[in-house]
Amino acid sequence: MSTDAYREGQRAAAKDIPAAANPYQDGTKDHEQWAEGHDLVAGAEEANQSEGT
């Protein structure tokens, strides 16, 4: 697993960069890992907002 792409996705979500801004070519392992990292952070942020925290 390319942890760099995963971490880049996490940082992007933390900076409110949309998932559509994934810089990796669709269908590549890096694209998938970036998206997974992004979704992890973005999902946690959405959960916190819905709980009012």
Protein backbone atom coordinates (compact mmCIF):
# COMPACT_ATOMS: atom_id res chain seq x y z
CA MET A 1 0.00 0.00 0.00
CA SER A 2 1.30 3.40 -0.91
CA THR A 3 0.85 5.22 2.36
CA ASP A 4 1.81 8.48 0.69
CA ALA A 5 -1.36 8.54 -1.44
CA TYR A 6 -3.45 7.52 1.57
CA ARG A 7 -1.96 10.28 3.74
CA GLU A 8 -2.32 12.83 0.94
CA GLY A 9 -6.03 11.98 0.79
CA GLN A 10 -6.33 12.44 4.55
CA ARG A 11 -4.60 15.83 4.41
CA ALA A 12 -6.80 16.92 1.50
CA ALA A 13 -9.98 16.09 3.40
CA ALA A 14 -8.69 17.91 6.48
CA LYS A 15 -8.21 20.99 4.27
CA ASP A 16 -11.76 20.63 2.87
CA ILE A 17 -10.47 19.71 -0.58
CA PRO A 18 -13.23 17.76 -2.37
CA ALA A 19 -12.81 14.10 -3.26
CA ALA A 20 -13.20 15.02 -6.93
CA ALA A 21 -9.79 16.70 -6.70
CA ASN A 22 -8.04 13.31 -6.42
CA PRO A 23 -4.82 13.92 -8.39
CA TYR A 24 -4.28 10.29 -9.36
CA GLN A 25 -5.56 8.63 -12.52
CA ASP A 26 -8.86 6.86 -11.99
CA GLY A 27 -8.42 3.11 -11.79
CA THR A 28 -4.94 3.22 -10.27
CA LYS A 29 -4.00 1.91 -6.85
CA ASP A 30 -2.89 5.40 -5.78
CA HIS A 31 -6.27 6.83 -6.80
CA GLU A 32 -8.06 4.22 -4.69
CA GLN A 33 -5.77 4.75 -1.69
CA TRP A 34 -6.06 8.55 -1.87
CA ALA A 35 -9.86 8.16 -1.93
CA GLU A 36 -9.79 5.79 1.06
CA GLY A 37 -7.71 8.25 3.09
CA HIS A 38 -9.98 11.11 2.07
CA ASP A 39 -13.13 9.19 2.96
CA LEU A 40 -11.77 8.24 6.37
CA VAL A 41 -11.25 11.87 7.38
CA ALA A 42 -14.26 13.29 5.53
CA GLY A 43 -16.53 10.64 7.02
CA ALA A 44 -15.29 11.37 10.53
CA GLU A 45 -15.83 15.10 10.03
CA GLU A 46 -19.38 14.53 8.79
CA ALA A 47 -20.14 12.30 11.77
CA ASN A 48 -18.83 14.96 14.16
CA GLN A 49 -20.96 17.64 12.49
CA SER A 50 -24.11 15.53 12.72
CA GLU A 51 -23.45 14.94 16.42
CA GLY A 52 -22.90 18.65 16.95
CA THR A 53 -19.25 18.37 17.95
